[in-house]
């Protein structure tokens, strides 16, 4: 098991240190708070990614529309006058 480059022995050591620092009664509360914070961070990250993709699509559409407008303004696409 390897989470973020931390193996099982390291996780055990972190748990023991947290148990010593916070105590057995406070540890579940700290774990819940940490879980809520991580969930909030993940939701914010997904929202940011979604917004970034949406803006990229809008930019792509704008560039495509501008290119089509420029293409329609070129003289080679205009009807030629015959004398």
PDB file of N, CA and C in Angstrom:
ATOM      1  N   UNK A   1       0.853  -1.174   0.000  1.00  0.00           N
ATOM      2  CA  UNK A   1       0.000   0.000   0.000  1.00  0.00           C
ATOM      3  C   UNK A   1       0.893   1.231   0.000  1.00  0.00           C
ATOM      4  N   UNK A   2       0.671   2.126  -0.948  1.00  0.00           N
ATOM      5  CA  UNK A   2       1.516   3.297  -1.089  1.00  0.00           C
ATOM      6  C   UNK A   2       0.648   4.496  -1.458  1.00  0.00           C
ATOM      7  N   UNK A   3       0.408   5.372  -0.516  1.00  0.00           N
ATOM      8  CA  UNK A   3      -0.416   6.553  -0.751  1.00  0.00           C
ATOM      9  C   UNK A   3       0.481   7.776  -0.696  1.00  0.00           C
ATOM     10  N   UNK A   4       0.568   8.516  -1.804  1.00  0.00           N
ATOM     11  CA  UNK A   4       1.385   9.733  -1.889  1.00  0.00           C
ATOM     12  C   UNK A   4       2.840   9.465  -1.507  1.00  0.00           C
ATOM     13  N   UNK A   5       3.351   8.301  -1.829  1.00  0.00           N
ATOM     14  CA  UNK A   5       4.729   7.967  -1.516  1.00  0.00           C
ATOM     15  C   UNK A   5       4.944   7.580  -0.065  1.00  0.00           C
ATOM     16  N   UNK A   6       3.857   7.382   0.675  1.00  0.00           N
ATOM     17  CA  UNK A   6       3.955   7.012   2.087  1.00  0.00           C
ATOM     18  C   UNK A   6       3.492   5.567   2.220  1.00  0.00           C
ATOM     19  N   UNK A   7       4.362   4.722   2.755  1.00  0.00           N
ATOM     20  CA  UNK A   7       4.031   3.311   2.925  1.00  0.00           C
ATOM     21  C   UNK A   7       3.304   3.057   4.230  1.00  0.00           C
ATOM     22  N   UNK A   8       2.989   1.797   4.478  1.00  0.00           N
ATOM     23  CA  UNK A   8       2.267   1.393   5.683  1.00  0.00           C
ATOM     24  C   UNK A   8       3.033   1.709   6.977  1.00  0.00           C
ATOM     25  N   UNK A   9       4.351   1.481   7.037  1.00  0.00           N
ATOM     26  CA  UNK A   9       5.062   1.826   8.281  1.00  0.00           C
ATOM     27  C   UNK A   9       5.004   3.327   8.598  1.00  0.00           C
ATOM     28  N   UNK A  10       5.119   4.159   7.565  1.00  0.00           N
ATOM     29  CA  UNK A  10       5.059   5.602   7.782  1.00  0.00           C
ATOM     30  C   UNK A  10       3.673   6.033   8.254  1.00  0.00           C
ATOM     31  N   UNK A  11       2.625   5.438   7.654  1.00  0.00           N
ATOM     32  CA  UNK A  11       1.263   5.759   8.084  1.00  0.00           C
ATOM     33  C   UNK A  11       1.040   5.356   9.539  1.00  0.00           C
ATOM     34  N   UNK A  12       1.580   4.212   9.929  1.00  0.00           N
ATOM     35  CA  UNK A  12       1.470   3.770  11.322  1.00  0.00           C
ATOM     36  C   UNK A  12       2.154   4.736  12.268  1.00  0.00           C
ATOM     37  N   UNK A  13       3.326   5.198  11.896  1.00  0.00           N
ATOM     38  CA  UNK A  13       4.057   6.159  12.721  1.00  0.00           C
ATOM     39  C   UNK A  13       3.290   7.471  12.842  1.00  0.00           C
ATOM     40  N   UNK A  14       2.732   7.941  11.738  1.00  0.00           N
ATOM     41  CA  UNK A  14       1.930   9.172  11.769  1.00  0.00           C
ATOM     42  C   UNK A  14       0.724   8.995  12.687  1.00  0.00           C
ATOM     43  N   UNK A  15       0.072   7.835  12.614  1.00  0.00           N
ATOM     44  CA  UNK A  15      -1.086   7.563  13.472  1.00  0.00           C
ATOM     45  C   UNK A  15      -0.698   7.566  14.946  1.00  0.00           C
ATOM     46  N   UNK A  16       0.429   6.940  15.274  1.00  0.00           N
ATOM     47  CA  UNK A  16       0.885   6.894  16.671  1.00  0.00           C
ATOM     48  C   UNK A  16       1.197   8.302  17.177  1.00  0.00           C
ATOM     49  N   UNK A  17       1.869   9.105  16.358  1.00  0.00           N
ATOM     50  CA  UNK A  17       2.185  10.485  16.759  1.00  0.00           C
ATOM     51  C   UNK A  17       0.903  11.284  16.946  1.00  0.00           C
ATOM     52  N   UNK A  18      -0.061  11.130  16.024  1.00  0.00           N
ATOM     53  CA  UNK A  18      -1.340  11.836  16.153  1.00  0.00           C
ATOM     54  C   UNK A  18      -2.069  11.394  17.414  1.00  0.00           C
ATOM     55  N   UNK A  19      -2.003  10.129  17.728  1.00  0.00           N
ATOM     56  CA  UNK A  19      -2.637   9.609  18.943  1.00  0.00           C
ATOM     57  C   UNK A  19      -2.010  10.227  20.188  1.00  0.00           C
ATOM     58  N   UNK A  20      -0.696  10.370  20.180  1.00  0.00           N
ATOM     59  CA  UNK A  20      -0.003  10.983  21.317  1.00  0.00           C
ATOM     60  C   UNK A  20      -0.317  12.475  21.433  1.00  0.00           C
ATOM     61  N   UNK A  21      -0.397  13.162  20.299  1.00  0.00           N
ATOM     62  CA  UNK A  21      -0.631  14.610  20.314  1.00  0.00           C
ATOM     63  C   UNK A  21      -2.077  14.930  20.681  1.00  0.00           C
ATOM     64  N   UNK A  22      -3.026  14.270  20.042  1.00  0.00           N
ATOM     65  CA  UNK A  22      -4.439  14.624  20.223  1.00  0.00           C
ATOM     66  C   UNK A  22      -5.148  13.791  21.288  1.00  0.00           C
ATOM     67  N   UNK A  23      -4.654  12.633  21.574  1.00  0.00           N
ATOM     68  CA  UNK A  23      -5.306  11.769  22.551  1.00  0.00           C
ATOM     69  C   UNK A  23      -6.374  10.916  21.897  1.00  0.00           C
ATOM     70  N   UNK A  24      -6.754   9.810  22.550  1.00  0.00           N
ATOM     71  CA  UNK A  24      -7.709   8.878  21.942  1.00  0.00           C
ATOM     72  C   UNK A  24      -9.124   9.446  21.823  1.00  0.00           C
ATOM     73  N   UNK A  25      -9.512  10.383  22.680  1.00  0.00           N
ATOM     74  CA  UNK A  25     -10.871  10.931  22.605  1.00  0.00           C
ATOM     75  C   UNK A  25     -11.001  11.979  21.511  1.00  0.00           C
ATOM     76  N   UNK A  26      -9.944  12.702  21.241  1.00  0.00           N
ATOM     77  CA  UNK A  26      -9.993  13.796  20.273  1.00  0.00           C
ATOM     78  C   UNK A  26      -9.667  13.321  18.854  1.00  0.00           C
ATOM     79  N   UNK A  27      -9.023  12.178  18.721  1.00  0.00           N
ATOM     80  CA  UNK A  27      -8.566  11.700  17.418  1.00  0.00           C
ATOM     81  C   UNK A  27      -9.699  11.492  16.404  1.00  0.00           C
ATOM     82  N   UNK A  28     -10.847  10.885  16.758  1.00  0.00           N
ATOM     83  CA  UNK A  28     -11.927  10.744  15.770  1.00  0.00           C
ATOM     84  C   UNK A  28     -12.442  12.098  15.265  1.00  0.00           C
ATOM     85  N   UNK A  29     -12.517  13.071  16.158  1.00  0.00           N
ATOM     86  CA  UNK A  29     -12.974  14.407  15.761  1.00  0.00           C
ATOM     87  C   UNK A  29     -11.982  15.052  14.786  1.00  0.00           C
ATOM     88  N   UNK A  30     -10.710  14.890  15.052  1.00  0.00           N
ATOM     89  CA  UNK A  30      -9.679  15.428  14.159  1.00  0.00           C
ATOM     90  C   UNK A  30      -9.753  14.729  12.802  1.00  0.00           C
ATOM     91  N   UNK A  31      -9.966  13.424  12.809  1.00  0.00           N
ATOM     92  CA  UNK A  31     -10.093  12.669  11.558  1.00  0.00           C
ATOM     93  C   UNK A  31     -11.281  13.123  10.731  1.00  0.00           C
ATOM     94  N   UNK A  32     -12.413  13.359  11.396  1.00  0.00           N
ATOM     95  CA  UNK A  32     -13.601  13.857  10.687  1.00  0.00           C
ATOM     96  C   UNK A  32     -13.336  15.222  10.074  1.00  0.00           C
ATOM     97  N   UNK A  33     -12.730  16.095  10.844  1.00  0.00           N
ATOM     98  CA  UNK A  33     -12.428  17.439  10.347  1.00  0.00           C
ATOM     99  C   UNK A  33     -11.484  17.383   9.153  1.00  0.00           C
ATOM    100  N   UNK A  34     -10.489  16.528   9.243  1.00  0.00           N
ATOM    101  CA  UNK A  34      -9.544  16.372   8.142  1.00  0.00           C
ATOM    102  C   UNK A  34     -10.247  15.812   6.905  1.00  0.00           C
ATOM    103  N   UNK A  35     -11.130  14.840   7.103  1.00  0.00           N
ATOM    104  CA  UNK A  35     -11.891  14.276   5.983  1.00  0.00           C
ATOM    105  C   UNK A  35     -12.777  15.307   5.311  1.00  0.00           C
ATOM    106  N   UNK A  36     -13.447  16.135   6.106  1.00  0.00           N
ATOM    107  CA  UNK A  36     -14.295  17.191   5.543  1.00  0.00           C
ATOM    108  C   UNK A  36     -13.464  18.200   4.764  1.00  0.00           C
ATOM    109  N   UNK A  37     -12.306  18.540   5.298  1.00  0.00           N
ATOM    110  CA  UNK A  37     -11.435  19.499   4.614  1.00  0.00           C
ATOM    111  C   UNK A  37     -10.946  18.934   3.279  1.00  0.00           C
ATOM    112  N   UNK A  38     -10.560  17.662   3.276  1.00  0.00           N
ATOM    113  CA  UNK A  38     -10.109  17.033   2.031  1.00  0.00           C
ATOM    114  C   UNK A  38     -11.232  16.947   1.004  1.00  0.00           C
ATOM    115  N   UNK A  39     -12.437  16.622   1.460  1.00  0.00           N
ATOM    116  CA  UNK A  39     -13.584  16.551   0.554  1.00  0.00           C
ATOM    117  C   UNK A  39     -13.877  17.925  -0.045  1.00  0.00           C
ATOM    118  N   UNK A  40     -13.819  18.959   0.774  1.00  0.00           N
ATOM    119  CA  UNK A  40     -14.034  20.319   0.282  1.00  0.00           C
ATOM    120  C   UNK A  40     -12.984  20.715  -0.736  1.00  0.00           C
ATOM    121  N   UNK A  41     -11.744  20.328  -0.485  1.00  0.00           N
ATOM    122  CA  UNK A  41     -10.672  20.629  -1.427  1.00  0.00           C
ATOM    123  C   UNK A  41     -10.898  19.910  -2.751  1.00  0.00           C
ATOM    124  N   UNK A  42     -11.322  18.653  -2.699  1.00  0.00           N
ATOM    125  CA  UNK A  42     -11.581  17.897  -3.926  1.00  0.00           C
ATOM    126  C   UNK A  42     -12.728  18.512  -4.718  1.00  0.00           C
ATOM    127  N   UNK A  43     -13.787  18.931  -4.033  1.00  0.00           N
ATOM    128  CA  UNK A  43     -14.923  19.554  -4.712  1.00  0.00           C
ATOM    129  C   UNK A  43     -14.503  20.861  -5.372  1.00  0.00           C
ATOM    130  N   UNK A  44     -13.722  21.662  -4.670  1.00  0.00           N
ATOM    131  CA  UNK A  44     -13.248  22.925  -5.236  1.00  0.00           C
ATOM    132  C   UNK A  44     -12.345  22.671  -6.437  1.00  0.00           C
ATOM    133  N   UNK A  45     -11.529  21.641  -6.353  1.00  0.00           N
ATOM    134  CA  UNK A  45     -10.639  21.292  -7.451  1.00  0.00           C
ATOM    135  C   UNK A  45     -11.434  20.864  -8.683  1.00  0.00           C
ATOM    136  N   UNK A  46     -12.467  20.037  -8.480  1.00  0.00           N
ATOM    137  CA  UNK A  46     -13.310  19.606  -9.603  1.00  0.00           C
ATOM    138  C   UNK A  46     -14.049  20.790 -10.216  1.00  0.00           C
ATOM    139  N   UNK A  47     -14.549  21.684  -9.370  1.00  0.00           N
ATOM    140  CA  UNK A  47     -15.263  22.861  -9.860  1.00  0.00           C
ATOM    141  C   UNK A  47     -14.328  23.747 -10.683  1.00  0.00           C
ATOM    142  N   UNK A  48     -13.109  23.925 -10.214  1.00  0.00           N
ATOM    143  CA  UNK A  48     -12.128  24.725 -10.939  1.00  0.00           C
ATOM    144  C   UNK A  48     -11.813  24.093 -12.288  1.00  0.00           C
ATOM    145  N   UNK A  49     -11.628  22.772 -12.306  1.00  0.00           N
ATOM    146  CA  UNK A  49     -11.317  22.067 -13.544  1.00  0.00           C
ATOM    147  C   UNK A  49     -12.472  22.181 -14.544  1.00  0.00           C
ATOM    148  N   UNK A  50     -13.702  22.039 -14.060  1.00  0.00           N
ATOM    149  CA  UNK A  50     -14.875  22.156 -14.922  1.00  0.00           C
ATOM    150  C   UNK A  50     -14.971  23.557 -15.518  1.00  0.00           C
ATOM    151  N   UNK A  51     -14.765  24.568 -14.688  1.00  0.00           N
ATOM    152  CA  UNK A  51     -14.828  25.951 -15.161  1.00  0.00           C
ATOM    153  C   UNK A  51     -13.725  26.230 -16.178  1.00  0.00           C
ATOM    154  N   UNK A  52     -12.548  25.700 -15.939  1.00  0.00           N
ATOM    155  CA  UNK A  52     -11.436  25.887 -16.863  1.00  0.00           C
ATOM    156  C   UNK A  52     -11.741  25.246 -18.215  1.00  0.00           C
ATOM    157  N   UNK A  53     -12.302  24.036 -18.207  1.00  0.00           N
ATOM    158  CA  UNK A  53     -12.664  23.368 -19.461  1.00  0.00           C
ATOM    159  C   UNK A  53     -13.745  24.145 -20.200  1.00  0.00           C
ATOM    160  N   UNK A  54     -14.734  24.656 -19.453  1.00  0.00           N
ATOM    161  CA  UNK A  54     -15.817  25.423 -20.065  1.00  0.00           C
ATOM    162  C   UNK A  54     -15.272  26.684 -20.738  1.00  0.00           C
ATOM    163  N   UNK A  55     -14.378  27.379 -20.065  1.00  0.00           N
ATOM    164  CA  UNK A  55     -13.794  28.594 -20.632  1.00  0.00           C
ATOM    165  C   UNK A  55     -12.937  28.276 -21.854  1.00  0.00           C
ATOM    166  N   UNK A  56     -12.227  27.155 -21.834  1.00  0.00           N
ATOM    167  CA  UNK A  56     -11.419  26.753 -22.984  1.00  0.00           C
ATOM    168  C   UNK A  56     -12.314  26.466 -24.190  1.00  0.00           C
ATOM    169  N   UNK A  57     -13.458  25.824 -23.959  1.00  0.00           N
ATOM    170  CA  UNK A  57     -14.392  25.552 -25.049  1.00  0.00           C
ATOM    171  C   UNK A  57     -14.972  26.851 -25.605  1.00  0.00           C
ATOM    172  N   UNK A  58     -15.316  27.787 -24.714  1.00  0.00           N
ATOM    173  CA  UNK A  58     -15.842  29.071 -25.167  1.00  0.00           C
ATOM    174  C   UNK A  58     -14.805  29.829 -25.982  1.00  0.00           C
ATOM    175  N   UNK A  59     -13.555  29.789 -25.558  1.00  0.00           N
ATOM    176  CA  UNK A  59     -12.485  30.453 -26.284  1.00  0.00           C
ATOM    177  C   UNK A  59     -12.298  29.820 -27.654  1.00  0.00           C
ATOM    178  N   UNK A  60     -12.357  28.497 -27.703  1.00  0.00           N
ATOM    179  CA  UNK A  60     -12.214  27.791 -28.972  1.00  0.00           C
ATOM    180  C   UNK A  60     -13.341  28.174 -29.934  1.00  0.00           C
ATOM    181  N   UNK A  61     -14.565  28.268 -29.423  1.00  0.00           N
ATOM    182  CA  UNK A  61     -15.696  28.670 -30.259  1.00  0.00           C
ATOM    183  C   UNK A  61     -15.518  30.095 -30.765  1.00  0.00           C
ATOM    184  N   UNK A  62     -15.038  30.987 -29.905  1.00  0.00           N
ATOM    185  CA  UNK A  62     -14.820  32.378 -30.303  1.00  0.00           C
ATOM    186  C   UNK A  62     -13.780  32.474 -31.409  1.00  0.00           C
ATOM    187  N   UNK A  63     -12.702  31.728 -31.282  1.00  0.00           N
ATOM    188  CA  UNK A  63     -11.652  31.738 -32.297  1.00  0.00           C
ATOM    189  C   UNK A  63     -12.188  31.180 -33.610  1.00  0.00           C
ATOM    190  N   UNK A  64     -12.992  30.137 -33.531  1.00  0.00           N
ATOM    191  CA  UNK A  64     -13.553  29.533 -34.738  1.00  0.00           C
ATOM    192  C   UNK A  64     -14.501  30.510 -35.434  1.00  0.00           C
ATOM    193  N   UNK A  65     -15.340  31.190 -34.679  1.00  0.00           N
ATOM    194  CA  UNK A  65     -16.274  32.164 -35.255  1.00  0.00           C
ATOM    195  C   UNK A  65     -15.506  33.315 -35.886  1.00  0.00           C
ATOM    196  N   UNK A  66     -14.471  33.795 -35.205  1.00  0.00           N
ATOM    197  CA  UNK A  66     -13.663  34.889 -35.746  1.00  0.00           C
ATOM    198  C   UNK A  66     -12.997  34.459 -37.046  1.00  0.00           C
ATOM    199  N   UNK A  67     -12.490  33.230 -37.102  1.00  0.00           N
ATOM    200  CA  UNK A  67     -11.851  32.726 -38.318  1.00  0.00           C
ATOM    201  C   UNK A  67     -12.863  32.632 -39.455  1.00  0.00           C
ATOM    202  N   UNK A  68     -14.075  32.186 -39.147  1.00  0.00           N
ATOM    203  CA  UNK A  68     -15.111  32.100 -40.177  1.00  0.00           C
ATOM    204  C   UNK A  68     -15.494  33.485 -40.689  1.00  0.00           C
ATOM    205  N   UNK A  69     -15.571  34.460 -39.804  1.00  0.00           N
ATOM    206  CA  UNK A  69     -15.879  35.830 -40.225  1.00  0.00           C
ATOM    207  C   UNK A  69     -14.771  36.397 -41.101  1.00  0.00           C
ATOM    208  N   UNK A  70     -13.539  36.180 -40.720  1.00  0.00           N
ATOM    209  CA  UNK A  70     -12.412  36.663 -41.521  1.00  0.00           C
ATOM    210  C   UNK A  70     -12.403  35.982 -42.887  1.00  0.00           C
ATOM    211  N   UNK A  71     -12.725  34.714 -42.913  1.00  0.00           N
ATOM    212  CA  UNK A  71     -12.750  33.966 -44.165  1.00  0.00           C
ATOM    213  C   UNK A  71     -13.839  34.495 -45.090  1.00  0.00           C
ATOM    214  N   UNK A  72     -14.973  34.874 -44.527  1.00  0.00           N
ATOM    215  CA  UNK A  72     -16.069  35.374 -45.355  1.00  0.00           C
ATOM    216  C   UNK A  72     -15.795  36.786 -45.866  1.00  0.00           C
ATOM    217  N   UNK A  73     -14.871  37.516 -45.247  1.00  0.00           N
ATOM    218  CA  UNK A  73     -14.546  38.878 -45.675  1.00  0.00           C
ATOM    219  C   UNK A  73     -13.486  38.914 -46.766  1.00  0.00           C
ATOM    220  N   UNK A  74     -12.797  37.821 -47.024  1.00  0.00           N
ATOM    221  CA  UNK A  74     -11.722  37.829 -48.019  1.00  0.00           C
ATOM    222  C   UNK A  74     -12.306  38.013 -49.407  1.00  0.00           C
ATOM    223  N   UNK A  75     -11.593  38.746 -50.298  1.00  0.00           N
ATOM    224  CA  UNK A  75     -12.110  39.038 -51.642  1.00  0.00           C
ATOM    225  C   UNK A  75     -12.293  37.804 -52.507  1.00  0.00           C
ATOM    226  N   UNK A  76     -11.557  36.752 -52.286  1.00  0.00           N
ATOM    227  CA  UNK A  76     -11.702  35.570 -53.138  1.00  0.00           C
ATOM    228  C   UNK A  76     -13.043  34.882 -52.943  1.00  0.00           C
ATOM    229  N   UNK A  77     -13.698  35.119 -51.818  1.00  0.00           N
ATOM    230  CA  UNK A  77     -15.010  34.531 -51.576  1.00  0.00           C
ATOM    231  C   UNK A  77     -16.135  35.445 -52.058  1.00  0.00           C
ATOM    232  N   UNK A  78     -15.813  36.696 -52.420  1.00  0.00           N
ATOM    233  CA  UNK A  78     -16.831  37.626 -52.901  1.00  0.00           C
ATOM    234  C   UNK A  78     -17.123  37.322 -54.361  1.00  0.00           C
ATOM    235  N   UNK A  79     -18.341  37.626 -54.802  1.00  0.00           N
ATOM    236  CA  UNK A  79     -18.647  37.415 -56.224  1.00  0.00           C
ATOM    237  C   UNK A  79     -17.830  38.379 -57.083  1.00  0.00           C
ATOM    238  N   UNK A  80     -17.291  37.853 -58.170  1.00  0.00           N
ATOM    239  CA  UNK A  80     -16.458  38.671 -59.048  1.00  0.00           C
ATOM    240  C   UNK A  80     -17.333  39.506 -59.969  1.00  0.00           C
ATOM    241  N   UNK A  81     -16.845  40.721 -60.238  1.00  0.00           N
ATOM    242  CA  UNK A  81     -17.554  41.601 -61.168  1.00  0.00           C
ATOM    243  C   UNK A  81     -17.034  41.322 -62.570  1.00  0.00           C
ATOM    244  N   UNK A  82     -17.933  41.206 -63.520  1.00  0.00           N
ATOM    245  CA  UNK A  82     -17.531  40.999 -64.911  1.00  0.00           C
ATOM    246  C   UNK A  82     -17.795  42.276 -65.676  1.00  0.00           C
ATOM    247  N   UNK A  83     -16.821  42.692 -66.488  1.00  0.00           N
ATOM    248  CA  UNK A  83     -16.981  43.924 -67.254  1.00  0.00           C
ATOM    249  C   UNK A  83     -17.377  43.654 -68.664  1.00  0.00           C
TER     250      UNK A  83
END
